[in-house]
Amino acid sequence: MKYIKATLQIIALYGFVLIGNWLQDFLHLPLPGSIIGLLVLLVALSMKVFRLEWVESGSYFLLSYLPLYFIPATVGVMKYGHVFAGKGLLLIPITMISTFLTMWISSIISQFLANKSVKKEEVSCK
């Protein structure tokens, strides 16, 4: 029964992707339809129009297989190694700097949101 539930939830998630693709085509938006679909899902979850329980186990199933989706990109990089061969030493500091910036900006944003949440709870408790 849990496999049927996960399958139906994955179909619901795919429905949001289809809605995003349709919106992208209809409104001629410069974003990919899958991203628009995720934004529609985020809005639906935030407004409590769509409940998290309706997609939770299906999304956990997809997340458990997420590393497999990166294999084609890795193979593509390996296939075109000659493109990166001349600039290999330059790519190392670029990768390190971009990783550091991503971690730093993510930590600033998460701290800001955590502080905002704490302040909101303090106001609601008073």
N, C-alpha and C. Protein backbone atom coordinates (compact mmCIF):
# COMPACT_ATOMS: atom_id res chain seq x y z
N MET A 1 0.82 -1.20 0.00
CA MET A 1 0.00 0.00 0.00
C MET A 1 0.86 1.27 0.00
N LYS A 2 2.03 1.19 0.69
CA LYS A 2 2.86 2.39 0.73
C LYS A 2 3.48 2.70 -0.63
N TYR A 3 3.68 1.67 -1.46
CA TYR A 3 4.22 1.91 -2.80
C TYR A 3 3.18 2.60 -3.68
N ILE A 4 1.93 2.22 -3.51
CA ILE A 4 0.85 2.86 -4.27
C ILE A 4 0.72 4.31 -3.84
N LYS A 5 0.82 4.55 -2.53
CA LYS A 5 0.73 5.92 -2.00
C LYS A 5 1.88 6.77 -2.54
N ALA A 6 3.10 6.23 -2.52
CA ALA A 6 4.26 6.97 -3.03
C ALA A 6 4.10 7.23 -4.53
N THR A 7 3.59 6.27 -5.27
CA THR A 7 3.40 6.44 -6.71
C THR A 7 2.39 7.54 -7.00
N LEU A 8 1.29 7.54 -6.26
CA LEU A 8 0.29 8.59 -6.45
C LEU A 8 0.84 9.97 -6.08
N GLN A 9 1.68 10.01 -5.06
CA GLN A 9 2.28 11.29 -4.68
C GLN A 9 3.28 11.77 -5.72
N ILE A 10 4.03 10.85 -6.31
CA ILE A 10 4.95 11.23 -7.39
C ILE A 10 4.17 11.74 -8.60
N ILE A 11 3.03 11.12 -8.88
CA ILE A 11 2.16 11.59 -9.97
C ILE A 11 1.67 13.01 -9.67
N ALA A 12 1.32 13.27 -8.39
CA ALA A 12 0.89 14.62 -8.01
C ALA A 12 2.03 15.63 -8.20
N LEU A 13 3.24 15.24 -7.81
CA LEU A 13 4.40 16.12 -8.02
C LEU A 13 4.63 16.37 -9.51
N TYR A 14 4.47 15.32 -10.30
CA TYR A 14 4.63 15.48 -11.74
C TYR A 14 3.55 16.39 -12.31
N GLY A 15 2.36 16.36 -11.70
CA GLY A 15 1.29 17.27 -12.11
C GLY A 15 1.71 18.72 -11.94
N PHE A 16 2.43 19.00 -10.84
CA PHE A 16 2.91 20.36 -10.65
C PHE A 16 3.95 20.73 -11.71
N VAL A 17 4.76 19.78 -12.12
CA VAL A 17 5.72 20.04 -13.20
C VAL A 17 4.97 20.35 -14.50
N LEU A 18 3.92 19.59 -14.77
CA LEU A 18 3.13 19.84 -15.98
C LEU A 18 2.45 21.20 -15.93
N ILE A 19 1.93 21.57 -14.75
CA ILE A 19 1.34 22.89 -14.58
C ILE A 19 2.39 23.97 -14.84
N GLY A 20 3.59 23.77 -14.31
CA GLY A 20 4.68 24.72 -14.54
C GLY A 20 5.05 24.83 -16.00
N ASN A 21 5.11 23.69 -16.69
CA ASN A 21 5.41 23.72 -18.13
C ASN A 21 4.32 24.46 -18.90
N TRP A 22 3.08 24.22 -18.52
CA TRP A 22 1.97 24.90 -19.19
C TRP A 22 2.04 26.40 -18.95
N LEU A 23 2.29 26.80 -17.69
CA LEU A 23 2.40 28.23 -17.39
C LEU A 23 3.56 28.88 -18.14
N GLN A 24 4.66 28.16 -18.25
CA GLN A 24 5.83 28.69 -18.95
C GLN A 24 5.50 28.90 -20.43
N ASP A 25 4.82 27.95 -21.04
CA ASP A 25 4.43 28.09 -22.45
C ASP A 25 3.38 29.18 -22.64
N PHE A 26 2.39 29.20 -21.75
CA PHE A 26 1.27 30.14 -21.88
C PHE A 26 1.70 31.58 -21.64
N LEU A 27 2.54 31.79 -20.61
CA LEU A 27 2.95 33.15 -20.25
C LEU A 27 4.29 33.56 -20.84
N HIS A 28 4.95 32.64 -21.56
CA HIS A 28 6.24 32.90 -22.18
C HIS A 28 7.26 33.39 -21.15
N LEU A 29 7.35 32.68 -20.04
CA LEU A 29 8.27 33.04 -18.96
C LEU A 29 9.67 32.54 -19.27
N PRO A 30 10.70 33.25 -18.82
CA PRO A 30 12.08 32.83 -19.11
C PRO A 30 12.59 31.74 -18.17
N LEU A 31 11.77 31.26 -17.24
CA LEU A 31 12.17 30.19 -16.32
C LEU A 31 11.76 28.83 -16.88
N PRO A 32 12.49 27.77 -16.53
CA PRO A 32 12.05 26.44 -16.93
C PRO A 32 10.72 26.07 -16.26
N GLY A 33 9.92 25.30 -16.94
CA GLY A 33 8.62 24.90 -16.41
C GLY A 33 8.71 24.12 -15.12
N SER A 34 9.76 23.33 -14.95
CA SER A 34 9.90 22.55 -13.72
C SER A 34 10.11 23.46 -12.52
N ILE A 35 10.86 24.54 -12.70
CA ILE A 35 11.08 25.51 -11.61
C ILE A 35 9.78 26.23 -11.30
N ILE A 36 9.04 26.60 -12.32
CA ILE A 36 7.75 27.26 -12.11
C ILE A 36 6.81 26.31 -11.38
N GLY A 37 6.83 25.05 -11.74
CA GLY A 37 6.00 24.06 -11.05
C GLY A 37 6.36 23.93 -9.58
N LEU A 38 7.67 23.96 -9.28
CA LEU A 38 8.08 23.91 -7.88
C LEU A 38 7.64 25.17 -7.14
N LEU A 39 7.68 26.31 -7.79
CA LEU A 39 7.20 27.54 -7.16
C LEU A 39 5.69 27.49 -6.92
N VAL A 40 4.95 26.92 -7.87
CA VAL A 40 3.50 26.75 -7.68
C VAL A 40 3.25 25.81 -6.50
N LEU A 41 4.03 24.74 -6.40
CA LEU A 41 3.90 23.82 -5.27
C LEU A 41 4.22 24.52 -3.96
N LEU A 42 5.27 25.33 -3.95
CA LEU A 42 5.63 26.08 -2.74
C LEU A 42 4.50 27.01 -2.32
N VAL A 43 3.91 27.71 -3.28
CA VAL A 43 2.80 28.61 -2.96
C VAL A 43 1.60 27.82 -2.44
N ALA A 44 1.30 26.70 -3.09
CA ALA A 44 0.17 25.88 -2.65
C ALA A 44 0.39 25.32 -1.24
N LEU A 45 1.62 24.92 -0.95
CA LEU A 45 1.91 24.43 0.40
C LEU A 45 1.89 25.57 1.42
N SER A 46 2.40 26.73 1.05
CA SER A 46 2.43 27.87 1.97
C SER A 46 1.03 28.38 2.29
N MET A 47 0.16 28.36 1.30
CA MET A 47 -1.20 28.84 1.50
C MET A 47 -2.12 27.76 2.06
N LYS A 48 -1.56 26.58 2.30
CA LYS A 48 -2.31 25.44 2.84
C LYS A 48 -3.44 24.98 1.91
N VAL A 49 -3.27 25.24 0.62
CA VAL A 49 -4.20 24.73 -0.38
C VAL A 49 -3.89 23.27 -0.64
N PHE A 50 -2.63 22.94 -0.56
CA PHE A 50 -2.13 21.58 -0.80
C PHE A 50 -1.37 21.16 0.46
N ARG A 51 -1.71 20.01 1.02
CA ARG A 51 -1.10 19.59 2.27
C ARG A 51 0.18 18.80 2.01
N LEU A 52 1.14 18.97 2.92
CA LEU A 52 2.43 18.32 2.79
C LEU A 52 2.29 16.80 2.82
N GLU A 53 1.37 16.29 3.58
CA GLU A 53 1.17 14.84 3.67
C GLU A 53 0.80 14.22 2.33
N TRP A 54 0.27 15.03 1.43
CA TRP A 54 -0.14 14.52 0.13
C TRP A 54 1.03 14.24 -0.80
N VAL A 55 2.22 14.76 -0.50
CA VAL A 55 3.39 14.54 -1.35
C VAL A 55 4.63 14.12 -0.57
N GLU A 56 4.53 13.96 0.74
CA GLU A 56 5.71 13.77 1.56
C GLU A 56 6.46 12.47 1.26
N SER A 57 5.79 11.34 1.28
CA SER A 57 6.53 10.08 1.07
C SER A 57 7.03 9.95 -0.37
N GLY A 58 6.27 10.47 -1.32
CA GLY A 58 6.73 10.45 -2.71
C GLY A 58 7.97 11.31 -2.91
N SER A 59 8.01 12.46 -2.24
CA SER A 59 9.18 13.33 -2.37
C SER A 59 10.39 12.72 -1.67
N TYR A 60 10.19 12.04 -0.53
CA TYR A 60 11.30 11.36 0.13
C TYR A 60 11.85 10.24 -0.75
N PHE A 61 10.96 9.55 -1.45
CA PHE A 61 11.41 8.51 -2.36
C PHE A 61 12.27 9.09 -3.47
N LEU A 62 11.82 10.21 -4.06
CA LEU A 62 12.60 10.84 -5.13
C LEU A 62 13.93 11.37 -4.61
N LEU A 63 13.93 11.95 -3.41
CA LEU A 63 15.17 12.47 -2.84
C LEU A 63 16.17 11.37 -2.54
N SER A 64 15.68 10.18 -2.23
CA SER A 64 16.62 9.08 -1.95
C SER A 64 17.38 8.65 -3.20
N TYR A 65 16.81 8.91 -4.37
CA TYR A 65 17.48 8.57 -5.63
C TYR A 65 18.09 9.78 -6.32
N LEU A 66 18.13 10.92 -5.66
CA LEU A 66 18.64 12.15 -6.25
C LEU A 66 20.08 12.03 -6.77
N PRO A 67 21.00 11.37 -6.04
CA PRO A 67 22.37 11.28 -6.58
C PRO A 67 22.46 10.61 -7.94
N LEU A 68 21.53 9.72 -8.25
CA LEU A 68 21.55 9.07 -9.56
C LEU A 68 21.31 10.06 -10.70
N TYR A 69 20.62 11.16 -10.41
CA TYR A 69 20.33 12.14 -11.45
C TYR A 69 21.57 12.93 -11.84
N PHE A 70 22.60 12.90 -11.00
CA PHE A 70 23.82 13.64 -11.30
C PHE A 70 24.83 12.82 -12.08
N ILE A 71 24.60 11.54 -12.24
CA ILE A 71 25.54 10.68 -12.97
C ILE A 71 25.69 11.12 -14.42
N PRO A 72 24.61 11.42 -15.16
CA PRO A 72 24.80 11.86 -16.55
C PRO A 72 25.65 13.13 -16.66
N ALA A 73 25.49 14.06 -15.73
CA ALA A 73 26.30 15.28 -15.78
C ALA A 73 27.76 14.96 -15.53
N THR A 74 28.03 14.07 -14.60
CA THR A 74 29.41 13.68 -14.31
C THR A 74 30.04 12.98 -15.49
N VAL A 75 29.29 12.09 -16.13
CA VAL A 75 29.81 11.39 -17.31
C VAL A 75 30.05 12.39 -18.44
N GLY A 76 29.18 13.37 -18.56
CA GLY A 76 29.37 14.40 -19.59
C GLY A 76 30.64 15.19 -19.37
N VAL A 77 30.93 15.52 -18.10
CA VAL A 77 32.17 16.25 -17.80
C VAL A 77 33.37 15.37 -18.12
N MET A 78 33.28 14.08 -17.81
CA MET A 78 34.40 13.17 -18.10
C MET A 78 34.59 13.00 -19.60
N LYS A 79 33.50 13.02 -20.35
CA LYS A 79 33.58 12.86 -21.79
C LYS A 79 34.28 14.05 -22.44
N TYR A 80 34.05 15.25 -21.88
CA TYR A 80 34.64 16.45 -22.43
C TYR A 80 35.79 16.95 -21.56
N GLY A 81 36.59 16.05 -21.07
CA GLY A 81 37.73 16.38 -20.23
C GLY A 81 38.73 17.28 -20.92
N HIS A 82 38.86 17.16 -22.24
CA HIS A 82 39.82 17.99 -22.97
C HIS A 82 39.48 19.48 -22.87
N VAL A 83 38.20 19.79 -22.67
CA VAL A 83 37.81 21.19 -22.52
C VAL A 83 38.36 21.76 -21.22
N PHE A 84 38.40 20.92 -20.17
CA PHE A 84 38.85 21.37 -18.85
C PHE A 84 40.36 21.17 -18.64
N ALA A 85 41.01 20.47 -19.54
CA ALA A 85 42.41 20.10 -19.33
C ALA A 85 43.33 21.32 -19.22
N GLY A 86 43.17 22.30 -20.05
CA GLY A 86 44.06 23.45 -20.03
C GLY A 86 43.80 24.40 -18.88
N LYS A 87 42.64 24.33 -18.30
CA LYS A 87 42.25 25.26 -17.25
C LYS A 87 42.06 24.55 -15.91
N GLY A 88 42.64 23.39 -15.74
CA GLY A 88 42.44 22.60 -14.54
C GLY A 88 42.85 23.30 -13.26
N LEU A 89 44.02 23.94 -13.28
CA LEU A 89 44.49 24.63 -12.07
C LEU A 89 43.63 25.84 -11.74
N LEU A 90 43.07 26.47 -12.75
CA LEU A 90 42.21 27.62 -12.52
C LEU A 90 40.85 27.20 -11.95
N LEU A 91 40.39 26.00 -12.32
CA LEU A 91 39.09 25.54 -11.84
C LEU A 91 39.10 25.22 -10.35
N ILE A 92 40.23 24.83 -9.80
CA ILE A 92 40.30 24.48 -8.38
C ILE A 92 39.99 25.69 -7.49
N PRO A 93 40.66 26.84 -7.65
CA PRO A 93 40.30 27.98 -6.79
C PRO A 93 38.90 28.51 -7.07
N ILE A 94 38.46 28.44 -8.32
CA ILE A 94 37.10 28.90 -8.64
C ILE A 94 36.09 28.03 -7.91
N THR A 95 36.31 26.74 -7.91
CA THR A 95 35.40 25.82 -7.21
C THR A 95 35.43 26.08 -5.71
N MET A 96 36.62 26.27 -5.15
CA MET A 96 36.72 26.51 -3.71
C MET A 96 36.05 27.82 -3.32
N ILE A 97 36.27 28.89 -4.09
CA ILE A 97 35.67 30.18 -3.78
C ILE A 97 34.15 30.13 -3.91
N SER A 98 33.67 29.51 -4.98
CA SER A 98 32.21 29.44 -5.16
C SER A 98 31.55 28.59 -4.09
N THR A 99 32.22 27.52 -3.66
CA THR A 99 31.68 26.70 -2.57
C THR A 99 31.64 27.49 -1.27
N PHE A 100 32.71 28.22 -0.97
CA PHE A 100 32.75 29.03 0.23
C PHE A 100 31.66 30.11 0.21
N LEU A 101 31.51 30.79 -0.93
CA LEU A 101 30.48 31.82 -1.04
C LEU A 101 29.08 31.25 -0.87
N THR A 102 28.83 30.09 -1.45
CA THR A 102 27.53 29.44 -1.31
C THR A 102 27.24 29.11 0.14
N MET A 103 28.24 28.53 0.84
CA MET A 103 28.05 28.19 2.25
C MET A 103 27.86 29.45 3.09
N TRP A 104 28.61 30.49 2.81
CA TRP A 104 28.53 31.72 3.59
C TRP A 104 27.17 32.41 3.41
N ILE A 105 26.74 32.54 2.16
CA ILE A 105 25.45 33.19 1.89
C ILE A 105 24.30 32.35 2.45
N SER A 106 24.39 31.04 2.32
CA SER A 106 23.35 30.17 2.88
C SER A 106 23.26 30.31 4.39
N SER A 107 24.42 30.41 5.06
CA SER A 107 24.41 30.55 6.52
C SER A 107 23.82 31.90 6.93
N ILE A 108 24.13 32.95 6.20
CA ILE A 108 23.57 34.27 6.52
C ILE A 108 22.05 34.25 6.36
N ILE A 109 21.57 33.68 5.28
CA ILE A 109 20.13 33.63 5.03
C ILE A 109 19.43 32.77 6.08
N SER A 110 20.01 31.61 6.42
CA SER A 110 19.37 30.74 7.42
C SER A 110 19.36 31.39 8.80
N GLN A 111 20.43 32.10 9.16
CA GLN A 111 20.45 32.81 10.44
C GLN A 111 19.41 33.93 10.46
N PHE A 112 19.29 34.64 9.37
CA PHE A 112 18.29 35.71 9.28
C PHE A 112 16.88 35.14 9.45
N LEU A 113 16.59 34.05 8.76
CA LEU A 113 15.26 33.45 8.86
C LEU A 113 15.01 32.86 10.25
N ALA A 114 16.04 32.28 10.85
CA ALA A 114 15.89 31.73 12.21
C ALA A 114 15.62 32.85 13.21
N ASN A 115 16.35 33.95 13.11
CA ASN A 115 16.13 35.09 14.00
C ASN A 115 14.74 35.69 13.79
N LYS A 116 14.31 35.75 12.55
CA LYS A 116 12.99 36.28 12.24
C LYS A 116 11.91 35.38 12.83
N SER A 117 12.11 34.08 12.78
CA SER A 117 11.15 33.13 13.34
C SER A 117 11.09 33.26 14.86
N VAL A 118 12.25 33.43 15.50
CA VAL A 118 12.28 33.58 16.96
C VAL A 118 11.57 34.86 17.38
N LYS A 119 11.81 35.96 16.66
CA LYS A 119 11.16 37.23 16.98
C LYS A 119 9.65 37.12 16.79
N LYS A 120 9.23 36.39 15.76
CA LYS A 120 7.80 36.22 15.50
C LYS A 120 7.15 35.42 16.62
N GLU A 121 7.85 34.39 17.12
CA GLU A 121 7.33 33.61 18.24
C GLU A 121 7.26 34.43 19.51
N GLU A 122 8.26 35.30 19.74
CA GLU A 122 8.26 36.15 20.92
C GLU A 122 7.09 37.12 20.90
N VAL A 123 6.80 37.67 19.73
CA VAL A 123 5.69 38.61 19.59
C VAL A 123 4.37 37.89 19.82
N SER A 124 4.23 36.68 19.29
CA SER A 124 2.97 35.95 19.43
C SER A 124 2.75 35.46 20.86
N CYS A 125 3.83 35.27 21.63
CA CYS A 125 3.72 34.82 23.03
C CYS A 125 3.32 35.96 23.96
N LYS A 126 3.56 37.20 23.56
CA LYS A 126 3.27 38.35 24.44
C LYS A 126 1.83 38.70 24.40
